[in-house]
Structure formats: structure tokens, C-alpha cells
Amino acid sequence: MIVNICCCGSSGSTLFSNLLNRHPDILSGEEMSVFSNNTIFENFSLIKKYPEFFVENGVPDFPTSPFPFHPGRVFLTDVDNYRLSHNEIFTMLKKSENTHEFLFKLKNSVLKSSQKKIWAEKTPENIHAVGNFLNTFNNQEAKVIHIVRNPKDVILSLMNRNYSFFSAAERWITSVAAIQPYVNNKNVLEISYEDLVLKPEIILNQVCEFLGVSFNYEDFQAQNNNSGVQRNHQISSWNNSPFGKISSSSLNKHKTSSINFDILYNMKLSKDYANFLGQDHISFRDLANKYGY
């Protein structure tokens, strides 16, 4: 099985990925940015023809979507952490007839050095190609887990990563809006960062049931990592190491902030982006209220 972990950036996906990687059946490592662009699904022949170019230069959307946040449009990053070379991946691409075949060849290669059977690929930007991801499989071979977090805390976290106040808010609303057409799909599970931190045993049990694997909370508390995947990336605003315990230190930081968030509640999707998603002209307030924020 392939699991697509997606969210707005700074919503807890790194913590969640680290926890999943402790499960004996699940491998979840560094971001590969392989499900995050619609072009890999909609124009596979182009990627197949020029893989070296797109790995080096990134993959733009064709046609370009009105979504403003697709940082770098990178493609197939950090493959060395999975003991893969770019040449191996280029060969896989060239020998695959379609996206479905390529992704399963990639999954088998990612898992080959471990004893695990599920590959969970965590890249926040995956949220912008969820529709194509689901349509490519349309069965039990692949599932999506969406993590949502209080937008005020997301904004503060993104501002610590040099986003402006409004660009951070725009990233949250456009990301969370992007998955709304699919939230009732049987192969999509939504969890909140707050619940993951405060009720990890309940949430991780729910996740295991969704993925059809056994649940033993002690697996997620283990201080070791037996997947063979290297983890090199950390961000300064994140306090949990791959081997650390869950921390609640990042919850509700907005309550001690001097920022007035009320100005955001009337922010709406642009009409072009709403039409692109097939969505209503939804507001920041609408989405925040939907998730209890």
C-alpha cells in the first residue's frame, strides 16, 4: 500500500511521519515530492521522456494552476535517504507505461531494504494533487491522510520560517481548501495535530485501523528506528527528533501572541482558485469553523 500524507506546511506532518516510521509495517522517511505535482499524473509521458531535466529543475504544473504556493515545484528529492540513486529512478520512469506502474515500482524499491510493507510518503504539498492521486488508484492500493492544525498556530510557525503574516494565512486556506472535495472519500482520513499530540493512543489506533495494520501503542513509543531510512532534515521551529517523545509545547502558541488574527476571518479563496478546485467561494472563517478553530 502507498499512503499519501498531506497538509498545509507546519501542521505536524514531520512528527506524524516519524511516529508512523516506528510501526513495524510502515516506512515513512524524508519528503520525496513525488505525489505533489499534477503533472506526474496528467502528463507522465513528458516526465518519462525528460526525467533528468525535471529532477534537476523541478516540475511546473501544465497548465499552471492558480495555486500560489508550490515551493520550487521540486520532484523526487532526498532519494539517497532511501538508498536509491537517481539513475535507478530514471530507469524506473523510462520502463514504466504510466504513473500507476511507476509509483508501484518506486514503492517496491523504497521498501526493499526494510521488512515493511507500507510506504507512507509525507510531503505537505501533496495536498494539491490529491484528486489525481486518488483517481490513479481508485481502490485499496493507496490511501490519503490529511493533518489539519489550528490556523493561528500554523501561521505563527510559518512566520518563524520567514513567511509573511498574509502569505502564511493564504497558504493555510488554499491548502486546506484543496482537499475539501475529497474529505468524504473512503480512502481519505483526516486527523488533527492537536488530537495527535493530546490523544496519541486514540489517534494512532484510528490510523492503524484505517491502514489495516495491527495496533500496539508501544511500537510508537519506541526510541529506535528499524526502517533503514535516514532522516537528515530538521527545521528550527520543530522540537521533536525522530527518536523523541511527543511534545505539547507547540500547542496554542497563538494565545500568547500579540497578533490580531481577527482580520483574517473575511479572507476568501480567489474566484479563480475556487473554480479550479470546483469549490464554493469559501472563507478563512468557514474553514476554521469547520474544524473547530
Protein backbone atom coordinates (compact mmCIF):
# COMPACT_ATOMS: atom_id res chain seq x y z
CA MET A 1 0.00 0.00 0.00
CA ILE A 2 1.01 3.60 -0.64
CA VAL A 3 -0.05 6.27 1.88
CA ASN A 4 -0.11 9.92 0.90
CA ILE A 5 0.41 12.18 3.95
CA CYS A 6 -0.55 15.76 3.18
CA CYS A 7 -1.39 19.05 4.90
CA CYS A 8 -0.59 22.71 4.98
CA GLY A 9 3.06 23.10 5.91
CA SER A 10 3.78 23.41 9.65
CA SER A 11 0.80 21.23 10.57
CA GLY A 12 2.67 18.38 12.23
CA SER A 13 3.40 16.10 9.30
CA THR A 14 7.03 15.56 10.32
CA LEU A 15 6.00 14.43 13.80
CA PHE A 16 3.34 12.16 12.32
CA SER A 17 5.76 10.70 9.77
CA ASN A 18 8.31 9.96 12.48
CA LEU A 19 5.67 8.18 14.54
CA LEU A 20 4.46 6.09 11.59
CA ASN A 21 8.01 5.07 10.80
CA ARG A 22 8.20 3.35 14.20
CA HIS A 23 5.44 0.91 13.24
CA PRO A 24 6.82 -2.48 12.15
CA ASP A 25 4.79 -2.44 8.92
CA ILE A 26 5.17 1.21 7.86
CA LEU A 27 8.11 3.05 6.34
CA SER A 28 7.91 6.84 6.31
CA GLY A 29 11.02 8.90 5.66
CA GLU A 30 12.19 12.16 4.15
CA GLU A 31 9.99 14.03 1.68
CA MET A 32 10.35 12.79 -1.88
CA SER A 33 7.91 15.26 -3.50
CA VAL A 34 6.65 12.62 -5.88
CA PHE A 35 2.86 12.96 -5.42
CA SER A 36 2.84 16.73 -5.06
CA ASN A 37 2.51 17.85 -8.66
CA ASN A 38 -0.37 17.20 -11.02
CA THR A 39 1.96 16.87 -13.99
CA ILE A 40 3.26 13.47 -12.84
CA PHE A 41 -0.33 12.20 -13.12
CA GLU A 42 -1.58 14.21 -16.09
CA ASN A 43 1.47 14.24 -18.36
CA PHE A 44 3.52 11.19 -17.36
CA SER A 45 4.92 10.80 -20.87
CA LEU A 46 6.66 14.18 -20.55
CA ILE A 47 8.26 13.24 -17.21
CA LYS A 48 9.25 9.87 -18.63
CA LYS A 49 10.89 11.49 -21.64
CA TYR A 50 12.94 14.10 -19.71
CA PRO A 51 13.41 12.75 -16.14
CA GLU A 52 16.89 14.21 -15.66
CA PHE A 53 15.68 17.69 -16.60
CA PHE A 54 12.71 17.65 -14.22
CA VAL A 55 14.63 16.22 -11.28
CA GLU A 56 17.21 18.98 -11.71
CA ASN A 57 14.82 21.85 -12.44
CA GLY A 58 11.55 20.86 -10.79
CA VAL A 59 8.18 20.21 -12.39
CA PRO A 60 5.80 23.07 -13.19
CA ASP A 61 2.07 22.41 -13.46
CA PHE A 62 0.83 22.17 -17.05
CA PRO A 63 -1.41 24.10 -17.32
CA THR A 64 -0.27 26.26 -14.42
CA SER A 65 -2.84 26.23 -11.65
CA PRO A 66 -3.75 29.46 -9.83
CA PHE A 67 -2.34 27.99 -6.61
CA PRO A 68 0.33 30.41 -5.34
CA PHE A 69 2.29 28.08 -3.02
CA HIS A 70 4.11 25.23 -4.65
CA PRO A 71 7.65 25.95 -3.42
CA GLY A 72 10.22 25.14 -6.05
CA ARG A 73 7.97 22.52 -7.66
CA VAL A 74 10.69 20.06 -6.73
CA PHE A 75 10.48 16.44 -7.81
CA LEU A 76 12.00 13.23 -6.43
CA THR A 77 14.07 14.76 -3.64
CA ASP A 78 16.14 13.01 -0.95
CA VAL A 79 16.12 9.66 -2.74
CA ASP A 80 19.57 8.86 -1.35
CA ASN A 81 17.99 8.60 2.11
CA TYR A 82 16.12 5.57 0.75
CA ARG A 83 19.32 4.06 -0.64
CA LEU A 84 18.23 4.85 -4.16
CA SER A 85 20.14 6.64 -6.90
CA HIS A 86 18.67 8.99 -9.45
CA ASN A 87 19.85 6.67 -12.19
CA GLU A 88 17.77 3.85 -10.70
CA ILE A 89 14.73 6.11 -10.64
CA PHE A 90 15.32 7.32 -14.20
CA THR A 91 15.39 3.67 -15.32
CA MET A 92 12.11 3.02 -13.47
CA LEU A 93 10.49 6.00 -15.17
CA LYS A 94 11.62 5.00 -18.62
CA LYS A 95 10.44 1.41 -18.18
CA SER A 96 7.00 2.34 -16.82
CA GLU A 97 3.97 2.69 -19.05
CA ASN A 98 2.06 5.02 -16.73
CA THR A 99 2.07 6.77 -13.35
CA HIS A 100 0.48 3.83 -11.57
CA GLU A 101 3.18 1.42 -12.72
CA PHE A 102 6.00 3.84 -11.86
CA LEU A 103 4.72 4.56 -8.35
CA PHE A 104 4.48 0.88 -7.52
CA LYS A 105 7.96 0.23 -8.85
CA LEU A 106 9.17 3.11 -6.69
CA LYS A 107 7.29 1.75 -3.66
CA ASN A 108 8.89 -1.67 -4.07
CA SER A 109 12.35 -0.10 -4.34
CA VAL A 110 11.78 2.09 -1.27
CA LEU A 111 10.67 -0.90 0.79
CA LYS A 112 13.23 -3.42 -0.46
CA SER A 113 15.83 -2.75 2.24
CA SER A 114 13.30 -2.99 5.08
CA GLN A 115 10.91 -5.63 6.35
CA LYS A 116 7.97 -3.26 5.93
CA LYS A 117 5.01 -3.44 3.57
CA ILE A 118 3.53 0.07 3.53
CA TRP A 119 5.23 3.19 2.16
CA ALA A 120 3.93 6.45 3.63
CA GLU A 121 5.15 9.46 1.64
CA LYS A 122 4.97 12.72 3.58
CA THR A 123 5.15 15.94 1.60
CA PRO A 124 2.77 18.77 2.62
CA GLU A 125 2.35 19.90 -0.99
CA ASN A 126 0.85 16.50 -1.84
CA ILE A 127 -2.43 18.11 -0.86
CA HIS A 128 -2.58 19.93 -4.21
CA ALA A 129 -2.66 16.73 -6.27
CA VAL A 130 -4.87 14.57 -4.03
CA GLY A 131 -7.59 14.26 -6.67
CA ASN A 132 -5.22 12.88 -9.27
CA PHE A 133 -3.61 10.61 -6.67
CA LEU A 134 -6.95 9.07 -5.71
CA ASN A 135 -8.06 8.74 -9.33
CA THR A 136 -4.84 6.95 -10.27
CA PHE A 137 -5.53 4.14 -7.80
CA ASN A 138 -9.26 4.30 -7.03
CA ASN A 139 -9.11 1.26 -4.73
CA GLN A 140 -7.43 -0.06 -1.59
CA GLU A 141 -3.91 0.17 -3.01
CA ALA A 142 -3.44 3.71 -1.79
CA LYS A 143 -4.82 5.99 0.91
CA VAL A 144 -4.59 9.62 1.98
CA ILE A 145 -4.12 11.02 5.49
CA HIS A 146 -4.72 14.74 5.90
CA ILE A 147 -3.44 16.53 9.00
CA VAL A 148 -5.11 19.80 9.98
CA ARG A 149 -3.88 22.21 12.66
CA ASN A 150 -5.18 25.40 14.23
CA PRO A 151 -4.51 28.01 11.53
CA LYS A 152 -3.32 30.58 14.05
CA ASP A 153 -0.56 28.27 15.24
CA VAL A 154 0.25 27.32 11.64
CA ILE A 155 0.62 30.99 10.75
CA LEU A 156 2.96 31.65 13.69
CA SER A 157 5.05 28.61 12.77
CA LEU A 158 5.28 29.65 9.11
CA MET A 159 6.20 33.18 10.13
CA ASN A 160 9.13 31.66 12.04
CA ARG A 161 10.14 30.21 8.67
CA ASN A 162 10.14 33.66 7.03
CA TYR A 163 6.60 33.72 5.64
CA SER A 164 4.76 36.99 5.96
CA PHE A 165 1.56 37.06 8.02
CA PHE A 166 -0.73 37.17 5.00
CA SER A 167 1.22 34.70 2.86
CA ALA A 168 1.15 32.21 5.77
CA ALA A 169 -2.62 32.67 6.10
CA GLU A 170 -3.06 32.27 2.35
CA ARG A 171 -1.05 29.09 2.39
CA TRP A 172 -3.32 27.61 5.09
CA ILE A 173 -6.63 28.47 3.41
CA THR A 174 -5.54 27.36 -0.06
CA SER A 175 -4.05 24.10 1.24
CA VAL A 176 -6.99 23.10 3.44
CA ALA A 177 -9.48 24.13 0.74
CA ALA A 178 -7.71 21.90 -1.78
CA ILE A 179 -8.72 18.67 -0.03
CA GLN A 180 -12.32 19.59 0.70
CA PRO A 181 -13.76 17.85 -2.41
CA TYR A 182 -12.24 14.56 -1.17
CA VAL A 183 -12.79 14.54 2.60
CA ASN A 184 -15.72 12.09 2.34
CA ASN A 185 -13.79 9.65 0.16
CA LYS A 186 -13.50 6.27 1.90
CA ASN A 187 -9.75 6.29 1.24
CA VAL A 188 -9.18 9.64 2.97
CA LEU A 189 -8.69 10.07 6.73
CA GLU A 190 -8.47 13.44 8.46
CA ILE A 191 -6.76 13.87 11.83
CA SER A 192 -5.93 16.99 13.79
CA TYR A 193 -2.47 17.85 15.07
CA GLU A 194 -3.97 18.77 18.43
CA ASP A 195 -5.61 15.35 18.83
CA LEU A 196 -2.40 13.61 17.75
CA VAL A 197 -0.47 15.41 20.48
CA LEU A 198 -3.07 15.21 23.25
CA LYS A 199 -4.65 11.82 22.44
CA PRO A 200 -1.93 9.94 20.54
CA GLU A 201 -3.08 6.46 21.53
CA ILE A 202 -6.60 7.06 20.24
CA ILE A 203 -5.48 8.72 17.00
CA LEU A 204 -2.76 6.20 16.19
CA ASN A 205 -5.21 3.35 16.80
CA GLN A 206 -7.58 5.05 14.35
CA VAL A 207 -4.78 5.40 11.81
CA CYS A 208 -3.79 1.73 12.13
CA GLU A 209 -7.40 0.65 11.64
CA PHE A 210 -7.64 2.85 8.55
CA LEU A 211 -4.46 1.32 7.12
CA GLY A 212 -5.38 -2.24 8.06
CA VAL A 213 -2.34 -2.87 10.28
CA SER A 214 -2.05 -4.08 13.85
CA PHE A 215 -2.03 -1.55 16.68
CA ASN A 216 0.33 -1.70 19.62
CA TYR A 217 0.92 1.66 21.24
CA GLU A 218 4.32 0.54 22.47
CA ASP A 219 5.53 0.44 18.86
CA PHE A 220 5.01 4.20 18.60
CA GLN A 221 6.80 4.87 21.86
CA ALA A 222 9.94 3.00 20.83
CA GLN A 223 13.12 5.04 20.77
CA ASN A 224 14.59 3.25 17.79
CA ASN A 225 14.04 3.29 14.06
CA ASN A 226 14.39 -0.02 12.25
CA SER A 227 13.34 1.06 8.75
CA GLY A 228 16.81 1.80 7.47
CA VAL A 229 15.70 5.25 6.29
CA GLN A 230 17.99 8.14 7.12
CA ARG A 231 16.48 11.35 8.40
CA ASN A 232 18.59 14.43 7.84
CA HIS A 233 16.14 17.31 7.71
CA GLN A 234 15.07 19.28 10.73
CA ILE A 235 13.56 22.74 10.93
CA SER A 236 14.41 25.14 13.72
CA SER A 237 10.81 25.56 14.85
CA TRP A 238 10.31 21.81 15.37
CA ASN A 239 11.21 20.35 18.77
CA ASN A 240 10.72 16.60 18.21
CA SER A 241 13.54 14.40 17.00
CA PRO A 242 12.83 11.16 15.10
CA PHE A 243 13.51 9.29 18.32
CA GLY A 244 11.89 11.69 20.76
CA LYS A 245 8.61 11.76 22.64
CA ILE A 246 5.56 13.73 21.60
CA SER A 247 5.69 17.28 22.89
CA SER A 248 2.76 19.63 23.53
CA SER A 249 4.98 22.72 23.55
CA SER A 250 3.70 23.88 20.15
CA LEU A 251 0.02 23.88 21.08
CA ASN A 252 -1.93 27.14 21.37
CA LYS A 253 1.03 29.45 20.94
CA HIS A 254 -1.36 31.94 19.38
CA LYS A 255 -2.86 32.57 22.82
CA THR A 256 0.28 34.37 23.93
CA SER A 257 0.80 36.18 20.63
CA SER A 258 0.13 39.90 20.23
CA ILE A 259 -1.06 39.38 16.63
CA ASN A 260 -4.68 40.22 15.88
CA PHE A 261 -5.91 37.24 13.87
CA ASP A 262 -9.48 38.57 13.51
CA ILE A 263 -8.51 40.41 10.36
CA LEU A 264 -8.18 37.04 8.59
CA TYR A 265 -11.71 35.79 9.05
CA ASN A 266 -13.07 37.51 5.96
CA MET A 267 -10.22 36.31 3.75
CA LYS A 268 -11.62 34.19 0.90
CA LEU A 269 -10.28 31.99 -1.84
CA SER A 270 -9.84 33.82 -5.09
CA LYS A 271 -12.64 33.09 -7.54
CA ASP A 272 -10.14 31.59 -9.99
CA TYR A 273 -8.75 29.18 -7.42
CA ALA A 274 -12.20 28.29 -6.10
CA ASN A 275 -13.29 27.49 -9.65
CA PHE A 276 -10.13 25.48 -10.22
CA LEU A 277 -10.98 23.36 -7.17
CA GLY A 278 -14.65 23.16 -8.03
CA GLN A 279 -15.29 24.82 -4.68
CA ASP A 280 -17.56 27.49 -3.31
CA HIS A 281 -16.04 30.90 -2.68
CA ILE A 282 -15.07 29.67 0.80
CA SER A 283 -13.67 31.94 3.50
CA PHE A 284 -10.96 31.52 6.12
CA ARG A 285 -13.70 31.69 8.76
CA ASP A 286 -15.67 28.89 7.04
CA LEU A 287 -12.73 26.51 7.09
CA ALA A 288 -11.59 27.41 10.59
CA ASN A 289 -15.11 26.88 11.94
CA LYS A 290 -15.46 23.56 10.13
CA TYR A 291 -12.51 22.16 12.08
CA GLY A 292 -13.49 23.74 15.38
CA TYR A 293 -10.92 26.51 15.32
